Every structure is written in structure tokens, then in C-alpha cells.
PDB file of N, CA and C in Angstrom:
ATOM      1  N   ARG A   1      -1.229  11.302   2.005  1.00  0.00           N
ATOM      2  CA  ARG A   1      -0.989  11.241   0.581  1.00  0.00           C
ATOM      3  C   ARG A   1       0.443  10.800   0.332  1.00  0.00           C
ATOM      4  N   ILE A   2       0.596  10.063  -0.737  1.00  0.00           N
ATOM      5  CA  ILE A   2       1.945   9.707  -1.160  1.00  0.00           C
ATOM      6  C   ILE A   2       2.099  10.073  -2.629  1.00  0.00           C
ATOM      7  N   SER A   3       3.331  10.199  -3.041  1.00  0.00           N
ATOM      8  CA  SER A   3       3.578  10.621  -4.415  1.00  0.00           C
ATOM      9  C   SER A   3       3.153   9.543  -5.405  1.00  0.00           C
ATOM     10  N   LEU A   4       2.885   9.971  -6.605  1.00  0.00           N
ATOM     11  CA  LEU A   4       2.527   9.050  -7.679  1.00  0.00           C
ATOM     12  C   LEU A   4       3.639   8.032  -7.913  1.00  0.00           C
ATOM     13  N   LYS A   5       4.871   8.470  -7.785  1.00  0.00           N
ATOM     14  CA  LYS A   5       6.031   7.582  -7.961  1.00  0.00           C
ATOM     15  C   LYS A   5       5.946   6.388  -7.000  1.00  0.00           C
ATOM     16  N   TYR A   6       5.627   6.662  -5.737  1.00  0.00           N
ATOM     17  CA  TYR A   6       5.546   5.582  -4.743  1.00  0.00           C
ATOM     18  C   TYR A   6       4.275   4.755  -4.922  1.00  0.00           C
ATOM     19  N   SER A   7       3.186   5.410  -5.312  1.00  0.00           N
ATOM     20  CA  SER A   7       1.951   4.670  -5.603  1.00  0.00           C
ATOM     21  C   SER A   7       2.191   3.658  -6.710  1.00  0.00           C
ATOM     22  N   ARG A   8       2.885   4.094  -7.753  1.00  0.00           N
ATOM     23  CA  ARG A   8       3.190   3.189  -8.867  1.00  0.00           C
ATOM     24  C   ARG A   8       4.093   2.045  -8.426  1.00  0.00           C
ATOM     25  N   ALA A   9       5.066   2.338  -7.574  1.00  0.00           N
ATOM     26  CA  ALA A   9       5.963   1.292  -7.079  1.00  0.00           C
ATOM     27  C   ALA A   9       5.185   0.248  -6.274  1.00  0.00           C
ATOM     28  N   ILE A  10       4.202   0.691  -5.498  1.00  0.00           N
ATOM     29  CA  ILE A  10       3.377  -0.249  -4.724  1.00  0.00           C
ATOM     30  C   ILE A  10       2.520  -1.090  -5.665  1.00  0.00           C
ATOM     31  N   ILE A  11       1.921  -0.472  -6.658  1.00  0.00           N
ATOM     32  CA  ILE A  11       1.122  -1.206  -7.650  1.00  0.00           C
ATOM     33  C   ILE A  11       2.003  -2.210  -8.396  1.00  0.00           C
ATOM     34  N   ASP A  12       3.219  -1.788  -8.764  1.00  0.00           N
ATOM     35  CA  ASP A  12       4.145  -2.710  -9.425  1.00  0.00           C
ATOM     36  C   ASP A  12       4.467  -3.902  -8.527  1.00  0.00           C
ATOM     37  N   ALA A  13       4.624  -3.643  -7.232  1.00  0.00           N
ATOM     38  CA  ALA A  13       4.912  -4.724  -6.284  1.00  0.00           C
ATOM     39  C   ALA A  13       3.729  -5.687  -6.167  1.00  0.00           C
ATOM     40  N   ILE A  14       2.526  -5.178  -6.280  1.00  0.00           N
ATOM     41  CA  ILE A  14       1.339  -6.041  -6.280  1.00  0.00           C
ATOM     42  C   ILE A  14       1.355  -6.916  -7.527  1.00  0.00           C
ATOM     43  N   HIS A  15       1.546  -6.290  -8.687  1.00  0.00           N
ATOM     44  CA  HIS A  15       1.503  -7.026  -9.958  1.00  0.00           C
ATOM     45  C   HIS A  15       2.628  -8.041 -10.100  1.00  0.00           C
ATOM     46  N   SER A  16       3.791  -7.739  -9.558  1.00  0.00           N
ATOM     47  CA  SER A  16       4.929  -8.644  -9.697  1.00  0.00           C
ATOM     48  C   SER A  16       4.892  -9.803  -8.713  1.00  0.00           C
ATOM     49  N   GLY A  17       4.019  -9.714  -7.714  1.00  0.00           N
ATOM     50  CA  GLY A  17       3.958 -10.745  -6.685  1.00  0.00           C
ATOM     51  C   GLY A  17       4.876 -10.461  -5.505  1.00  0.00           C
ATOM     52  N   GLU A  18       5.592  -9.343  -5.557  1.00  0.00           N
ATOM     53  CA  GLU A  18       6.510  -8.994  -4.467  1.00  0.00           C
ATOM     54  C   GLU A  18       5.799  -8.945  -3.120  1.00  0.00           C
ATOM     55  N   LEU A  19       4.589  -8.380  -3.089  1.00  0.00           N
ATOM     56  CA  LEU A  19       3.884  -8.245  -1.813  1.00  0.00           C
ATOM     57  C   LEU A  19       3.404  -9.581  -1.255  1.00  0.00           C
ATOM     58  N   GLU A  20       3.218 -10.567  -2.124  1.00  0.00           N
ATOM     59  CA  GLU A  20       2.842 -11.895  -1.630  1.00  0.00           C
ATOM     60  C   GLU A  20       3.961 -12.511  -0.798  1.00  0.00           C
ATOM     61  N   LYS A  21       5.189 -12.138  -1.101  1.00  0.00           N
ATOM     62  CA  LYS A  21       6.356 -12.708  -0.424  1.00  0.00           C
ATOM     63  C   LYS A  21       6.881 -11.808   0.695  1.00  0.00           C
ATOM     64  N   ALA A  22       6.305 -10.635   0.846  1.00  0.00           N
ATOM     65  CA  ALA A  22       6.812  -9.647   1.804  1.00  0.00           C
ATOM     66  C   ALA A  22       6.513 -10.033   3.243  1.00  0.00           C
ATOM     67  N   ASP A  23       7.310  -9.482   4.146  1.00  0.00           N
ATOM     68  CA  ASP A  23       7.031  -9.573   5.577  1.00  0.00           C
ATOM     69  C   ASP A  23       6.114  -8.417   5.940  1.00  0.00           C
ATOM     70  N   TYR A  24       5.225  -8.659   6.867  1.00  0.00           N
ATOM     71  CA  TYR A  24       4.253  -7.651   7.290  1.00  0.00           C
ATOM     72  C   TYR A  24       4.297  -7.477   8.795  1.00  0.00           C
ATOM     73  N   VAL A  25       3.918  -6.298   9.251  1.00  0.00           N
ATOM     74  CA  VAL A  25       3.706  -6.035  10.672  1.00  0.00           C
ATOM     75  C   VAL A  25       2.257  -5.607  10.840  1.00  0.00           C
ATOM     76  N   ASN A  26       1.707  -5.917  11.999  1.00  0.00           N
ATOM     77  CA  ASN A  26       0.334  -5.522  12.284  1.00  0.00           C
ATOM     78  C   ASN A  26       0.322  -4.111  12.827  1.00  0.00           C
ATOM     79  N   TYR A  27      -0.580  -3.293  12.296  1.00  0.00           N
ATOM     80  CA  TYR A  27      -0.676  -1.913  12.716  1.00  0.00           C
ATOM     81  C   TYR A  27      -1.830  -1.733  13.688  1.00  0.00           C
ATOM     82  N   GLY A  28      -1.586  -2.153  14.900  1.00  0.00           N
ATOM     83  CA  GLY A  28      -2.418  -2.005  16.081  1.00  0.00           C
ATOM     84  C   GLY A  28      -3.883  -1.684  15.950  1.00  0.00           C
ATOM     85  N   VAL A  29      -4.245  -0.487  16.340  1.00  0.00           N
ATOM     86  CA  VAL A  29      -5.631  -0.048  16.487  1.00  0.00           C
ATOM     87  C   VAL A  29      -6.508  -0.406  15.284  1.00  0.00           C
ATOM     88  N   PHE A  30      -5.970  -0.276  14.086  1.00  0.00           N
ATOM     89  CA  PHE A  30      -6.764  -0.531  12.887  1.00  0.00           C
ATOM     90  C   PHE A  30      -6.581  -1.946  12.345  1.00  0.00           C
ATOM     91  N   ASN A  31      -5.744  -2.743  12.996  1.00  0.00           N
ATOM     92  CA  ASN A  31      -5.516  -4.141  12.610  1.00  0.00           C
ATOM     93  C   ASN A  31      -5.187  -4.265  11.118  1.00  0.00           C
ATOM     94  N   LEU A  32      -4.313  -3.396  10.659  1.00  0.00           N
ATOM     95  CA  LEU A  32      -3.874  -3.415   9.262  1.00  0.00           C
ATOM     96  C   LEU A  32      -2.533  -4.120   9.159  1.00  0.00           C
ATOM     97  N   GLN A  33      -2.357  -4.876   8.105  1.00  0.00           N
ATOM     98  CA  GLN A  33      -1.080  -5.516   7.831  1.00  0.00           C
ATOM     99  C   GLN A  33      -0.297  -4.620   6.879  1.00  0.00           C
ATOM    100  N   ILE A  34       0.862  -4.161   7.312  1.00  0.00           N
ATOM    101  CA  ILE A  34       1.675  -3.242   6.523  1.00  0.00           C
ATOM    102  C   ILE A  34       2.969  -3.941   6.137  1.00  0.00           C
ATOM    103  N   PRO A  35       3.311  -3.934   4.847  1.00  0.00           N
ATOM    104  CA  PRO A  35       4.580  -4.552   4.449  1.00  0.00           C
ATOM    105  C   PRO A  35       5.752  -3.796   5.060  1.00  0.00           C
ATOM    106  N   THR A  36       6.772  -4.527   5.474  1.00  0.00           N
ATOM    107  CA  THR A  36       7.933  -3.875   6.082  1.00  0.00           C
ATOM    108  C   THR A  36       8.809  -3.209   5.039  1.00  0.00           C
ATOM    109  N   THR A  37       8.810  -3.731   3.813  1.00  0.00           N
ATOM    110  CA  THR A  37       9.556  -3.102   2.722  1.00  0.00           C
ATOM    111  C   THR A  37       8.834  -3.332   1.402  1.00  0.00           C
ATOM    112  N   VAL A  38       8.969  -2.363   0.522  1.00  0.00           N
ATOM    113  CA  VAL A  38       8.493  -2.460  -0.856  1.00  0.00           C
ATOM    114  C   VAL A  38       9.575  -1.800  -1.704  1.00  0.00           C
ATOM    115  N   SER A  39       9.995  -2.461  -2.759  1.00  0.00           N
ATOM    116  CA  SER A  39      11.041  -1.908  -3.615  1.00  0.00           C
ATOM    117  C   SER A  39      10.697  -0.487  -4.070  1.00  0.00           C
ATOM    118  N   ASN A  40      11.666   0.397  -3.951  1.00  0.00           N
ATOM    119  CA  ASN A  40      11.564   1.788  -4.411  1.00  0.00           C
ATOM    120  C   ASN A  40      10.583   2.645  -3.614  1.00  0.00           C
ATOM    121  N   VAL A  41      10.230   2.187  -2.406  1.00  0.00           N
ATOM    122  CA  VAL A  41       9.337   2.967  -1.542  1.00  0.00           C
ATOM    123  C   VAL A  41      10.034   3.129  -0.183  1.00  0.00           C
ATOM    124  N   PRO A  42      10.239   4.364   0.271  1.00  0.00           N
ATOM    125  CA  PRO A  42      10.871   4.571   1.579  1.00  0.00           C
ATOM    126  C   PRO A  42      10.008   4.001   2.708  1.00  0.00           C
ATOM    127  N   ASP A  43      10.671   3.481   3.739  1.00  0.00           N
ATOM    128  CA  ASP A  43       9.956   2.905   4.876  1.00  0.00           C
ATOM    129  C   ASP A  43       8.967   3.879   5.495  1.00  0.00           C
ATOM    130  N   LYS A  44       9.330   5.164   5.536  1.00  0.00           N
ATOM    131  CA  LYS A  44       8.429   6.124   6.187  1.00  0.00           C
ATOM    132  C   LYS A  44       7.135   6.329   5.407  1.00  0.00           C
ATOM    133  N   VAL A  45       7.116   5.944   4.147  1.00  0.00           N
ATOM    134  CA  VAL A  45       5.875   6.007   3.377  1.00  0.00           C
ATOM    135  C   VAL A  45       4.955   4.857   3.780  1.00  0.00           C
ATOM    136  N   LEU A  46       5.542   3.727   4.123  1.00  0.00           N
ATOM    137  CA  LEU A  46       4.753   2.550   4.483  1.00  0.00           C
ATOM    138  C   LEU A  46       4.227   2.619   5.911  1.00  0.00           C
ATOM    139  N   ASP A  47       4.993   3.205   6.806  1.00  0.00           N
ATOM    140  CA  ASP A  47       4.636   3.241   8.229  1.00  0.00           C
ATOM    141  C   ASP A  47       4.328   4.677   8.646  1.00  0.00           C
ATOM    142  N   PRO A  48       3.064   4.986   8.901  1.00  0.00           N
ATOM    143  CA  PRO A  48       2.686   6.363   9.247  1.00  0.00           C
ATOM    144  C   PRO A  48       3.419   6.920  10.471  1.00  0.00           C
ATOM    145  N   SER A  49       3.782   6.060  11.410  1.00  0.00           N
ATOM    146  CA  SER A  49       4.471   6.567  12.605  1.00  0.00           C
ATOM    147  C   SER A  49       5.852   7.106  12.259  1.00  0.00           C
ATOM    148  N   LEU A  50       6.466   6.601  11.193  1.00  0.00           N
ATOM    149  CA  LEU A  50       7.777   7.096  10.776  1.00  0.00           C
ATOM    150  C   LEU A  50       7.664   8.429  10.035  1.00  0.00           C
ATOM    151  N   ALA A  51       6.531   8.673   9.405  1.00  0.00           N
ATOM    152  CA  ALA A  51       6.316   9.928   8.677  1.00  0.00           C
ATOM    153  C   ALA A  51       5.806  11.042   9.594  1.00  0.00           C
ATOM    154  N   TRP A  52       5.322  10.677  10.765  1.00  0.00           N
ATOM    155  CA  TRP A  52       4.746  11.644  11.694  1.00  0.00           C
ATOM    156  C   TRP A  52       5.789  12.675  12.100  1.00  0.00           C
ATOM    157  N   GLU A  53       5.415  13.937  12.097  1.00  0.00           N
ATOM    158  CA  GLU A  53       6.361  15.003  12.409  1.00  0.00           C
ATOM    159  C   GLU A  53       6.259  15.506  13.842  1.00  0.00           C
ATOM    160  N   GLY A  54       5.293  15.017  14.598  1.00  0.00           N
ATOM    161  CA  GLY A  54       5.160  15.406  15.998  1.00  0.00           C
ATOM    162  C   GLY A  54       5.829  14.381  16.900  1.00  0.00           C
ATOM    163  N   THR A  55       5.468  14.429  18.171  1.00  0.00           N
ATOM    164  CA  THR A  55       6.027  13.482  19.141  1.00  0.00           C
ATOM    165  C   THR A  55       5.308  12.143  19.027  1.00  0.00           C
ATOM    166  N   PRO A  56       5.934  11.076  19.521  1.00  0.00           N
ATOM    167  CA  PRO A  56       5.240   9.784  19.538  1.00  0.00           C
ATOM    168  C   PRO A  56       3.921   9.838  20.319  1.00  0.00           C
ATOM    169  N   GLN A  57       3.885  10.628  21.378  1.00  0.00           N
ATOM    170  CA  GLN A  57       2.659  10.760  22.169  1.00  0.00           C
ATOM    171  C   GLN A  57       1.559  11.443  21.348  1.00  0.00           C
ATOM    172  N   GLU A  58       1.922  12.442  20.570  1.00  0.00           N
ATOM    173  CA  GLU A  58       0.944  13.117  19.713  1.00  0.00           C
ATOM    174  C   GLU A  58       0.439  12.158  18.632  1.00  0.00           C
ATOM    175  N   PHE A  59       1.333  11.343  18.113  1.00  0.00           N
ATOM    176  CA  PHE A  59       0.917  10.369  17.110  1.00  0.00           C
ATOM    177  C   PHE A  59      -0.108   9.407  17.700  1.00  0.00           C
ATOM    178  N   GLU A  60       0.192   8.854  18.865  1.00  0.00           N
ATOM    179  CA  GLU A  60      -0.730   7.908  19.505  1.00  0.00           C
ATOM    180  C   GLU A  60      -2.060   8.575  19.822  1.00  0.00           C
ATOM    181  N   GLY A  61      -2.029   9.814  20.270  1.00  0.00           N
ATOM    182  CA  GLY A  61      -3.262  10.542  20.553  1.00  0.00           C
ATOM    183  C   GLY A  61      -4.092  10.757  19.302  1.00  0.00           C
ATOM    184  N   THR A  62      -3.442  11.112  18.217  1.00  0.00           N
ATOM    185  CA  THR A  62      -4.141  11.323  16.951  1.00  0.00           C
ATOM    186  C   THR A  62      -4.679  10.010  16.406  1.00  0.00           C
ATOM    187  N   LEU A  63      -3.916   8.941  16.548  1.00  0.00           N
ATOM    188  CA  LEU A  63      -4.364   7.621  16.108  1.00  0.00           C
ATOM    189  C   LEU A  63      -5.625   7.200  16.873  1.00  0.00           C
ATOM    190  N   SER A  64      -5.625   7.404  18.175  1.00  0.00           N
ATOM    191  CA  SER A  64      -6.800   7.072  18.989  1.00  0.00           C
ATOM    192  C   SER A  64      -7.997   7.942  18.615  1.00  0.00           C
ATOM    193  N   LYS A  65      -7.748   9.235  18.382  1.00  0.00           N
ATOM    194  CA  LYS A  65      -8.832  10.138  17.978  1.00  0.00           C
ATOM    195  C   LYS A  65      -9.442   9.683  16.659  1.00  0.00           C
ATOM    196  N   LEU A  66      -8.599   9.333  15.692  1.00  0.00           N
ATOM    197  CA  LEU A  66      -9.088   8.866  14.397  1.00  0.00           C
ATOM    198  C   LEU A  66      -9.918   7.590  14.563  1.00  0.00           C
ATOM    199  N   ALA A  67      -9.465   6.678  15.404  1.00  0.00           N
ATOM    200  CA  ALA A  67     -10.211   5.444  15.641  1.00  0.00           C
ATOM    201  C   ALA A  67     -11.581   5.750  16.259  1.00  0.00           C
ATOM    202  N   ARG A  68     -11.618   6.668  17.225  1.00  0.00           N
ATOM    203  CA  ARG A  68     -12.904   7.040  17.844  1.00  0.00           C
ATOM    204  C   ARG A  68     -13.839   7.681  16.825  1.00  0.00           C
ATOM    205  N   LEU A  69     -13.294   8.538  15.956  1.00  0.00           N
ATOM    206  CA  LEU A  69     -14.114   9.164  14.905  1.00  0.00           C
ATOM    207  C   LEU A  69     -14.670   8.105  13.951  1.00  0.00           C
ATOM    208  N   PHE A  70     -13.845   7.145  13.585  1.00  0.00           N
ATOM    209  CA  PHE A  70     -14.283   6.062  12.713  1.00  0.00           C
ATOM    210  C   PHE A  70     -15.415   5.280  13.387  1.00  0.00           C
ATOM    211  N   GLN A  71     -15.225   4.930  14.653  1.00  0.00           N
ATOM    212  CA  GLN A  71     -16.249   4.180  15.377  1.00  0.00           C
ATOM    213  C   GLN A  71     -17.556   4.961  15.467  1.00  0.00           C
ATOM    214  N   ALA A  72     -17.468   6.234  15.765  1.00  0.00           N
ATOM    215  CA  ALA A  72     -18.674   7.059  15.880  1.00  0.00           C
ATOM    216  C   ALA A  72     -19.390   7.153  14.541  1.00  0.00           C
ATOM    217  N   ASN A  73     -18.657   7.337  13.466  1.00  0.00           N
ATOM    218  CA  ASN A  73     -19.257   7.434  12.141  1.00  0.00           C
ATOM    219  C   ASN A  73     -19.896   6.106  11.728  1.00  0.00           C
ATOM    220  N   PHE A  74     -19.256   5.018  12.083  1.00  0.00           N
ATOM    221  CA  PHE A  74     -19.739   3.707  11.662  1.00  0.00           C
ATOM    222  C   PHE A  74     -21.050   3.318  12.349  1.00  0.00           C
ATOM    223  N   LYS A  75     -21.323   3.879  13.511  1.00  0.00           N
ATOM    224  CA  LYS A  75     -22.560   3.547  14.231  1.00  0.00           C
ATOM    225  C   LYS A  75     -23.789   3.708  13.338  1.00  0.00           C
ATOM    226  N   GLU A  76     -23.750   4.669  12.443  1.00  0.00           N
ATOM    227  CA  GLU A  76     -24.873   4.920  11.532  1.00  0.00           C
ATOM    228  C   GLU A  76     -25.141   3.720  10.609  1.00  0.00           C
ATOM    229  N   TYR A  77     -24.098   2.937  10.337  1.00  0.00           N
ATOM    230  CA  TYR A  77     -24.210   1.830   9.382  1.00  0.00           C
ATOM    231  C   TYR A  77     -24.121   0.453  10.036  1.00  0.00           C
ATOM    232  N   ALA A  78     -23.883   0.414  11.320  1.00  0.00           N
ATOM    233  CA  ALA A  78     -23.635  -0.852  12.010  1.00  0.00           C
ATOM    234  C   ALA A  78     -24.790  -1.843  11.867  1.00  0.00           C
ATOM    235  N   ASP A  79     -26.010  -1.362  11.815  1.00  0.00           N
ATOM    236  CA  ASP A  79     -27.146  -2.272  11.697  1.00  0.00           C
ATOM    237  C   ASP A  79     -27.206  -2.963  10.329  1.00  0.00           C
ATOM    238  N   GLN A  80     -26.420  -2.485   9.374  1.00  0.00           N
ATOM    239  CA  GLN A  80     -26.385  -3.076   8.037  1.00  0.00           C
ATOM    240  C   GLN A  80     -25.152  -3.970   7.834  1.00  0.00           C
ATOM    241  N   ALA A  81     -24.302  -4.056   8.850  1.00  0.00           N
ATOM    242  CA  ALA A  81     -23.034  -4.771   8.720  1.00  0.00           C
ATOM    243  C   ALA A  81     -23.078  -6.132   9.418  1.00  0.00           C
ATOM    244  N   THR A  82     -22.297  -7.047   8.882  1.00  0.00           N
ATOM    245  CA  THR A  82     -22.166  -8.361   9.530  1.00  0.00           C
ATOM    246  C   THR A  82     -21.272  -8.232  10.760  1.00  0.00           C
ATOM    247  N   SER A  83     -21.316  -9.242  11.596  1.00  0.00           N
ATOM    248  CA  SER A  83     -20.462  -9.224  12.809  1.00  0.00           C
ATOM    249  C   SER A  83     -18.988  -9.216  12.427  1.00  0.00           C
ATOM    250  N   GLU A  84     -18.636  -9.847  11.291  1.00  0.00           N
ATOM    251  CA  GLU A  84     -17.236  -9.853  10.852  1.00  0.00           C
ATOM    252  C   GLU A  84     -16.772  -8.454  10.459  1.00  0.00           C
ATOM    253  N   ILE A  85     -17.650  -7.717   9.791  1.00  0.00           N
ATOM    254  CA  ILE A  85     -17.301  -6.347   9.402  1.00  0.00           C
ATOM    255  C   ILE A  85     -17.151  -5.475  10.642  1.00  0.00           C
ATOM    256  N   ILE A  86     -18.063  -5.609  11.562  1.00  0.00           N
ATOM    257  CA  ILE A  86     -17.992  -4.824  12.806  1.00  0.00           C
ATOM    258  C   ILE A  86     -16.704  -5.142  13.565  1.00  0.00           C
ATOM    259  N   ALA A  87     -16.357  -6.425  13.648  1.00  0.00           N
ATOM    260  CA  ALA A  87     -15.155  -6.848  14.372  1.00  0.00           C
ATOM    261  C   ALA A  87     -13.879  -6.354  13.692  1.00  0.00           C
ATOM    262  N   ALA A  88     -13.935  -6.071  12.392  1.00  0.00           N
ATOM    263  CA  ALA A  88     -12.746  -5.612  11.662  1.00  0.00           C
ATOM    264  C   ALA A  88     -12.465  -4.132  11.864  1.00  0.00           C
ATOM    265  N   GLY A  89     -13.347  -3.429  12.527  1.00  0.00           N
ATOM    266  CA  GLY A  89     -13.137  -2.003  12.752  1.00  0.00           C
ATOM    267  C   GLY A  89     -12.066  -1.741  13.788  1.00  0.00           C
ATOM    268  N   PRO A  90     -11.757  -0.474  14.016  1.00  0.00           N
ATOM    269  CA  PRO A  90     -10.704  -0.117  14.988  1.00  0.00           C
ATOM    270  C   PRO A  90     -11.016  -0.634  16.389  1.00  0.00           C
ATOM    271  N   GLN A  91      -9.971  -1.051  17.073  1.00  0.00           N
ATOM    272  CA  GLN A  91     -10.102  -1.564  18.430  1.00  0.00           C
ATOM    273  C   GLN A  91      -9.283  -0.673  19.373  1.00  0.00           C
ATOM    274  N   LEU A  92      -9.962  -0.052  20.295  1.00  0.00           N
ATOM    275  CA  LEU A  92      -9.264   0.797  21.273  1.00  0.00           C
ATOM    276  C   LEU A  92      -9.143   0.090  22.609  1.00  0.00           C
TER     277      LEU A  92
END
């Protein structure tokens, strides 16, 4: 969860076109593109690894666990999904 203040700042960045011009990094397992900066939003809000309060090893373990849970849950719907949707899921 993030505060309403930061949610609004992200929405403002979408509406202003700021995010179209932003630099992004790829977020590994989930293949998500995360902006490196957004005006009025702390970096740790954008990057979950910076907000993590445990060790880097615990973060990676939790990230892998979440990806496995997502994959297991998705199996129920995989027969209804296109190959592109399936390929967009988490990659371990």
C-alpha cells in the first residue's frame, strides 16, 4: 500500500505525460517496468526492494514465493488465456 498523497502524484505524472518521458528499469521475475523517478514520490515507494525491511535474501525469497503462488493460482485459468498472456506471467 502507498499513501493517497503518492497515489495522486503518480496519477498526476500519468496525466501530465511525465511517465511517458521517464526512465524505467525492468523488475525481474514479474517483468514489470518501474519508473526510476516520479515527481513527489520517494524512490522506495516505486521500488519494493528499497521499501523491504528484511534482508535482501528474505526479499528475494518472498519475491520467488509470490511468483510461485501466482503461477499456481493461474493454472486454473490458463486454458482460457492466450499464449501472450501466459508468457507475461512471472518467470522463475
